[in-house]
Amino acid sequence: MRDILSSFFACKDVYMHMNIHKQNKELRALFEKMLQPIHRHLQNIMPCNNKGDENHD
């Protein structure tokens, strides 16, 4: 479980960093694909308390 969380946050950090700089669109699309199932999995385990984090575009 901790591995899932740490990899999720590592990916999210990289994704957010790339989002700020608007770098390679293909890479960003790949990160989104990687993050979606993990994000859904986490939401199933523990529903998100901070709804504001959803819309960060």
PDB file of N, CA and C in Angstrom:
ATOM      1  N   MET A   1       0.841  -1.208   0.000  1.00  0.00           N
ATOM      2  CA  MET A   1       0.000   0.000   0.000  1.00  0.00           C
ATOM      3  C   MET A   1       0.868   1.247   0.000  1.00  0.00           C
ATOM      4  N   ARG A   2       1.908   1.238   0.814  1.00  0.00           N
ATOM      5  CA  ARG A   2       2.790   2.395   0.876  1.00  0.00           C
ATOM      6  C   ARG A   2       3.509   2.598  -0.457  1.00  0.00           C
ATOM      7  N   ASP A   3       3.819   1.479  -1.146  1.00  0.00           N
ATOM      8  CA  ASP A   3       4.472   1.572  -2.456  1.00  0.00           C
ATOM      9  C   ASP A   3       3.562   2.271  -3.456  1.00  0.00           C
ATOM     10  N   ILE A   4       2.283   1.924  -3.425  1.00  0.00           N
ATOM     11  CA  ILE A   4       1.318   2.555  -4.331  1.00  0.00           C
ATOM     12  C   ILE A   4       1.267   4.054  -4.060  1.00  0.00           C
ATOM     13  N   LEU A   5       1.191   4.403  -2.782  1.00  0.00           N
ATOM     14  CA  LEU A   5       1.108   5.813  -2.414  1.00  0.00           C
ATOM     15  C   LEU A   5       2.361   6.571  -2.825  1.00  0.00           C
ATOM     16  N   SER A   6       3.530   6.014  -2.536  1.00  0.00           N
ATOM     17  CA  SER A   6       4.760   6.734  -2.842  1.00  0.00           C
ATOM     18  C   SER A   6       4.946   6.888  -4.346  1.00  0.00           C
ATOM     19  N   SER A   7       4.613   5.839  -5.114  1.00  0.00           N
ATOM     20  CA  SER A   7       4.745   5.959  -6.563  1.00  0.00           C
ATOM     21  C   SER A   7       3.716   6.946  -7.107  1.00  0.00           C
ATOM     22  N   PHE A   8       2.526   6.960  -6.496  1.00  0.00           N
ATOM     23  CA  PHE A   8       1.497   7.915  -6.925  1.00  0.00           C
ATOM     24  C   PHE A   8       1.983   9.346  -6.711  1.00  0.00           C
ATOM     25  N   PHE A   9       2.513   9.619  -5.515  1.00  0.00           N
ATOM     26  CA  PHE A   9       2.945  10.985  -5.230  1.00  0.00           C
ATOM     27  C   PHE A   9       4.182  11.371  -6.029  1.00  0.00           C
ATOM     28  N   ALA A  10       5.055  10.407  -6.290  1.00  0.00           N
ATOM     29  CA  ALA A  10       6.222  10.688  -7.124  1.00  0.00           C
ATOM     30  C   ALA A  10       5.767  11.072  -8.528  1.00  0.00           C
ATOM     31  N   CYS A  11       4.848  10.282  -9.080  1.00  0.00           N
ATOM     32  CA  CYS A  11       4.312  10.582 -10.411  1.00  0.00           C
ATOM     33  C   CYS A  11       3.604  11.923 -10.414  1.00  0.00           C
ATOM     34  N   LYS A  12       2.843  12.164  -9.371  1.00  0.00           N
ATOM     35  CA  LYS A  12       2.065  13.396  -9.302  1.00  0.00           C
ATOM     36  C   LYS A  12       2.994  14.608  -9.237  1.00  0.00           C
ATOM     37  N   ASP A  13       4.076  14.501  -8.462  1.00  0.00           N
ATOM     38  CA  ASP A  13       5.043  15.596  -8.383  1.00  0.00           C
ATOM     39  C   ASP A  13       5.626  15.898  -9.745  1.00  0.00           C
ATOM     40  N   VAL A  14       6.047  14.846 -10.449  1.00  0.00           N
ATOM     41  CA  VAL A  14       6.625  15.030 -11.777  1.00  0.00           C
ATOM     42  C   VAL A  14       5.576  15.623 -12.712  1.00  0.00           C
ATOM     43  N   TYR A  15       4.364  15.093 -12.626  1.00  0.00           N
ATOM     44  CA  TYR A  15       3.283  15.567 -13.489  1.00  0.00           C
ATOM     45  C   TYR A  15       2.994  17.047 -13.233  1.00  0.00           C
ATOM     46  N   MET A  16       2.910  17.421 -11.972  1.00  0.00           N
ATOM     47  CA  MET A  16       2.625  18.813 -11.636  1.00  0.00           C
ATOM     48  C   MET A  16       3.751  19.711 -12.133  1.00  0.00           C
ATOM     49  N   HIS A  17       4.991  19.255 -11.960  1.00  0.00           N
ATOM     50  CA  HIS A  17       6.149  20.017 -12.418  1.00  0.00           C
ATOM     51  C   HIS A  17       6.064  20.241 -13.927  1.00  0.00           C
ATOM     52  N   MET A  18       5.718  19.163 -14.643  1.00  0.00           N
ATOM     53  CA  MET A  18       5.618  19.259 -16.099  1.00  0.00           C
ATOM     54  C   MET A  18       4.431  20.126 -16.495  1.00  0.00           C
ATOM     55  N   ASN A  19       3.382  20.056 -15.720  1.00  0.00           N
ATOM     56  CA  ASN A  19       2.189  20.845 -16.004  1.00  0.00           C
ATOM     57  C   ASN A  19       2.490  22.334 -15.910  1.00  0.00           C
ATOM     58  N   ILE A  20       3.306  22.713 -14.922  1.00  0.00           N
ATOM     59  CA  ILE A  20       3.675  24.110 -14.735  1.00  0.00           C
ATOM     60  C   ILE A  20       4.450  24.614 -15.948  1.00  0.00           C
ATOM     61  N   HIS A  21       5.363  23.786 -16.433  1.00  0.00           N
ATOM     62  CA  HIS A  21       6.250  24.234 -17.509  1.00  0.00           C
ATOM     63  C   HIS A  21       5.694  23.952 -18.898  1.00  0.00           C
ATOM     64  N   LYS A  22       4.562  23.230 -18.965  1.00  0.00           N
ATOM     65  CA  LYS A  22       3.925  22.924 -20.256  1.00  0.00           C
ATOM     66  C   LYS A  22       4.925  22.315 -21.231  1.00  0.00           C
ATOM     67  N   GLN A  23       5.633  21.297 -20.779  1.00  0.00           N
ATOM     68  CA  GLN A  23       6.648  20.672 -21.615  1.00  0.00           C
ATOM     69  C   GLN A  23       6.029  19.696 -22.614  1.00  0.00           C
ATOM     70  N   ASN A  24       6.641  18.549 -22.757  1.00  0.00           N
ATOM     71  CA  ASN A  24       6.268  17.572 -23.775  1.00  0.00           C
ATOM     72  C   ASN A  24       4.839  17.047 -23.577  1.00  0.00           C
ATOM     73  N   LYS A  25       3.972  17.320 -24.539  1.00  0.00           N
ATOM     74  CA  LYS A  25       2.564  16.935 -24.415  1.00  0.00           C
ATOM     75  C   LYS A  25       2.388  15.424 -24.403  1.00  0.00           C
ATOM     76  N   GLU A  26       3.202  14.712 -25.158  1.00  0.00           N
ATOM     77  CA  GLU A  26       3.095  13.251 -25.185  1.00  0.00           C
ATOM     78  C   GLU A  26       3.434  12.665 -23.818  1.00  0.00           C
ATOM     79  N   LEU A  27       4.472  13.208 -23.196  1.00  0.00           N
ATOM     80  CA  LEU A  27       4.852  12.733 -21.861  1.00  0.00           C
ATOM     81  C   LEU A  27       3.740  13.021 -20.859  1.00  0.00           C
ATOM     82  N   ARG A  28       3.158  14.200 -20.940  1.00  0.00           N
ATOM     83  CA  ARG A  28       2.079  14.554 -20.015  1.00  0.00           C
ATOM     84  C   ARG A  28       0.896  13.618 -20.200  1.00  0.00           C
ATOM     85  N   ALA A  29       0.584  13.287 -21.452  1.00  0.00           N
ATOM     86  CA  ALA A  29      -0.518  12.360 -21.721  1.00  0.00           C
ATOM     87  C   ALA A  29      -0.215  10.989 -21.121  1.00  0.00           C
ATOM     88  N   LEU A  30       1.059  10.578 -21.221  1.00  0.00           N
ATOM     89  CA  LEU A  30       1.468   9.295 -20.663  1.00  0.00           C
ATOM     90  C   LEU A  30       1.311   9.301 -19.143  1.00  0.00           C
ATOM     91  N   PHE A  31       1.731  10.388 -18.499  1.00  0.00           N
ATOM     92  CA  PHE A  31       1.593  10.480 -17.047  1.00  0.00           C
ATOM     93  C   PHE A  31       0.126  10.460 -16.642  1.00  0.00           C
ATOM     94  N   GLU A  32      -0.713  11.144 -17.419  1.00  0.00           N
ATOM     95  CA  GLU A  32      -2.142  11.128 -17.093  1.00  0.00           C
ATOM     96  C   GLU A  32      -2.690   9.714 -17.171  1.00  0.00           C
ATOM     97  N   LYS A  33      -2.275   8.972 -18.191  1.00  0.00           N
ATOM     98  CA  LYS A  33      -2.728   7.591 -18.341  1.00  0.00           C
ATOM     99  C   LYS A  33      -2.268   6.742 -17.159  1.00  0.00           C
ATOM    100  N   MET A  34      -1.029   6.978 -16.715  1.00  0.00           N
ATOM    101  CA  MET A  34      -0.488   6.211 -15.585  1.00  0.00           C
ATOM    102  C   MET A  34      -1.216   6.571 -14.294  1.00  0.00           C
ATOM    103  N   LEU A  35      -1.517   7.848 -14.124  1.00  0.00           N
ATOM    104  CA  LEU A  35      -2.080   8.315 -12.861  1.00  0.00           C
ATOM    105  C   LEU A  35      -3.554   7.975 -12.693  1.00  0.00           C
ATOM    106  N   GLN A  36      -4.301   7.942 -13.790  1.00  0.00           N
ATOM    107  CA  GLN A  36      -5.753   7.747 -13.669  1.00  0.00           C
ATOM    108  C   GLN A  36      -6.140   6.497 -12.894  1.00  0.00           C
ATOM    109  N   PRO A  37      -5.625   5.309 -13.266  1.00  0.00           N
ATOM    110  CA  PRO A  37      -6.036   4.113 -12.508  1.00  0.00           C
ATOM    111  C   PRO A  37      -5.575   4.153 -11.059  1.00  0.00           C
ATOM    112  N   ILE A  38      -4.382   4.703 -10.803  1.00  0.00           N
ATOM    113  CA  ILE A  38      -3.880   4.792  -9.426  1.00  0.00           C
ATOM    114  C   ILE A  38      -4.760   5.745  -8.630  1.00  0.00           C
ATOM    115  N   HIS A  39      -5.102   6.866  -9.254  1.00  0.00           N
ATOM    116  CA  HIS A  39      -5.946   7.859  -8.593  1.00  0.00           C
ATOM    117  C   HIS A  39      -7.307   7.260  -8.249  1.00  0.00           C
ATOM    118  N   ARG A  40      -7.910   6.553  -9.206  1.00  0.00           N
ATOM    119  CA  ARG A  40      -9.201   5.900  -8.962  1.00  0.00           C
ATOM    120  C   ARG A  40      -9.078   4.877  -7.842  1.00  0.00           C
ATOM    121  N   HIS A  41      -7.984   4.125  -7.867  1.00  0.00           N
ATOM    122  CA  HIS A  41      -7.758   3.100  -6.844  1.00  0.00           C
ATOM    123  C   HIS A  41      -7.685   3.744  -5.462  1.00  0.00           C
ATOM    124  N   LEU A  42      -6.953   4.842  -5.361  1.00  0.00           N
ATOM    125  CA  LEU A  42      -6.825   5.536  -4.086  1.00  0.00           C
ATOM    126  C   LEU A  42      -8.163   6.094  -3.630  1.00  0.00           C
ATOM    127  N   GLN A  43      -8.939   6.624  -4.580  1.00  0.00           N
ATOM    128  CA  GLN A  43     -10.243   7.182  -4.210  1.00  0.00           C
ATOM    129  C   GLN A  43     -11.183   6.094  -3.704  1.00  0.00           C
ATOM    130  N   ASN A  44     -11.024   4.883  -4.244  1.00  0.00           N
ATOM    131  CA  ASN A  44     -11.842   3.766  -3.757  1.00  0.00           C
ATOM    132  C   ASN A  44     -11.466   3.403  -2.331  1.00  0.00           C
ATOM    133  N   ILE A  45     -10.167   3.452  -2.032  1.00  0.00           N
ATOM    134  CA  ILE A  45      -9.687   3.098  -0.696  1.00  0.00           C
ATOM    135  C   ILE A  45     -10.074   4.176   0.310  1.00  0.00           C
ATOM    136  N   MET A  46      -9.765   5.419  -0.027  1.00  0.00           N
ATOM    137  CA  MET A  46     -10.049   6.527   0.887  1.00  0.00           C
ATOM    138  C   MET A  46     -10.575   7.707   0.080  1.00  0.00           C
ATOM    139  N   PRO A  47     -11.868   7.997   0.155  1.00  0.00           N
ATOM    140  CA  PRO A  47     -12.461   9.095  -0.606  1.00  0.00           C
ATOM    141  C   PRO A  47     -11.742  10.412  -0.348  1.00  0.00           C
ATOM    142  N   CYS A  48     -11.567  11.172  -1.415  1.00  0.00           N
ATOM    143  CA  CYS A  48     -10.785  12.409  -1.329  1.00  0.00           C
ATOM    144  C   CYS A  48     -11.516  13.439  -0.466  1.00  0.00           C
ATOM    145  N   ASN A  49     -10.778  14.027   0.479  1.00  0.00           N
ATOM    146  CA  ASN A  49     -11.350  15.072   1.313  1.00  0.00           C
ATOM    147  C   ASN A  49     -11.219  16.438   0.654  1.00  0.00           C
ATOM    148  N   ASN A  50     -10.081  16.649  -0.033  1.00  0.00           N
ATOM    149  CA  ASN A  50      -9.848  17.942  -0.669  1.00  0.00           C
ATOM    150  C   ASN A  50     -10.313  17.900  -2.116  1.00  0.00           C
ATOM    151  N   LYS A  51     -11.564  18.270  -2.336  1.00  0.00           N
ATOM    152  CA  LYS A  51     -12.160  18.212  -3.667  1.00  0.00           C
ATOM    153  C   LYS A  51     -11.489  19.221  -4.605  1.00  0.00           C
ATOM    154  N   GLY A  52     -10.896  20.274  -4.059  1.00  0.00           N
ATOM    155  CA  GLY A  52     -10.282  21.302  -4.883  1.00  0.00           C
ATOM    156  C   GLY A  52      -9.100  20.801  -5.682  1.00  0.00           C
ATOM    157  N   ASP A  53      -8.532  19.664  -5.281  1.00  0.00           N
ATOM    158  CA  ASP A  53      -7.354  19.128  -5.948  1.00  0.00           C
ATOM    159  C   ASP A  53      -7.703  18.514  -7.299  1.00  0.00           C
ATOM    160  N   GLU A  54      -8.981  18.240  -7.511  1.00  0.00           N
ATOM    161  CA  GLU A  54      -9.403  17.582  -8.746  1.00  0.00           C
ATOM    162  C   GLU A  54      -9.124  18.434  -9.973  1.00  0.00           C
ATOM    163  N   ASN A  55      -9.555  19.702  -9.941  1.00  0.00           N
ATOM    164  CA  ASN A  55      -9.466  20.543 -11.134  1.00  0.00           C
ATOM    165  C   ASN A  55      -8.223  21.429 -11.068  1.00  0.00           C
ATOM    166  N   HIS A  56      -7.104  20.897 -11.508  1.00  0.00           N
ATOM    167  CA  HIS A  56      -5.879  21.698 -11.505  1.00  0.00           C
ATOM    168  C   HIS A  56      -5.380  21.964 -12.922  1.00  0.00           C
ATOM    169  N   ASP A  57      -6.319  22.245 -13.823  1.00  0.00           N
ATOM    170  CA  ASP A  57      -5.922  22.612 -15.186  1.00  0.00           C
ATOM    171  C   ASP A  57      -6.276  24.058 -15.426  1.00  0.00           C
TER     172      ASP A  57
END
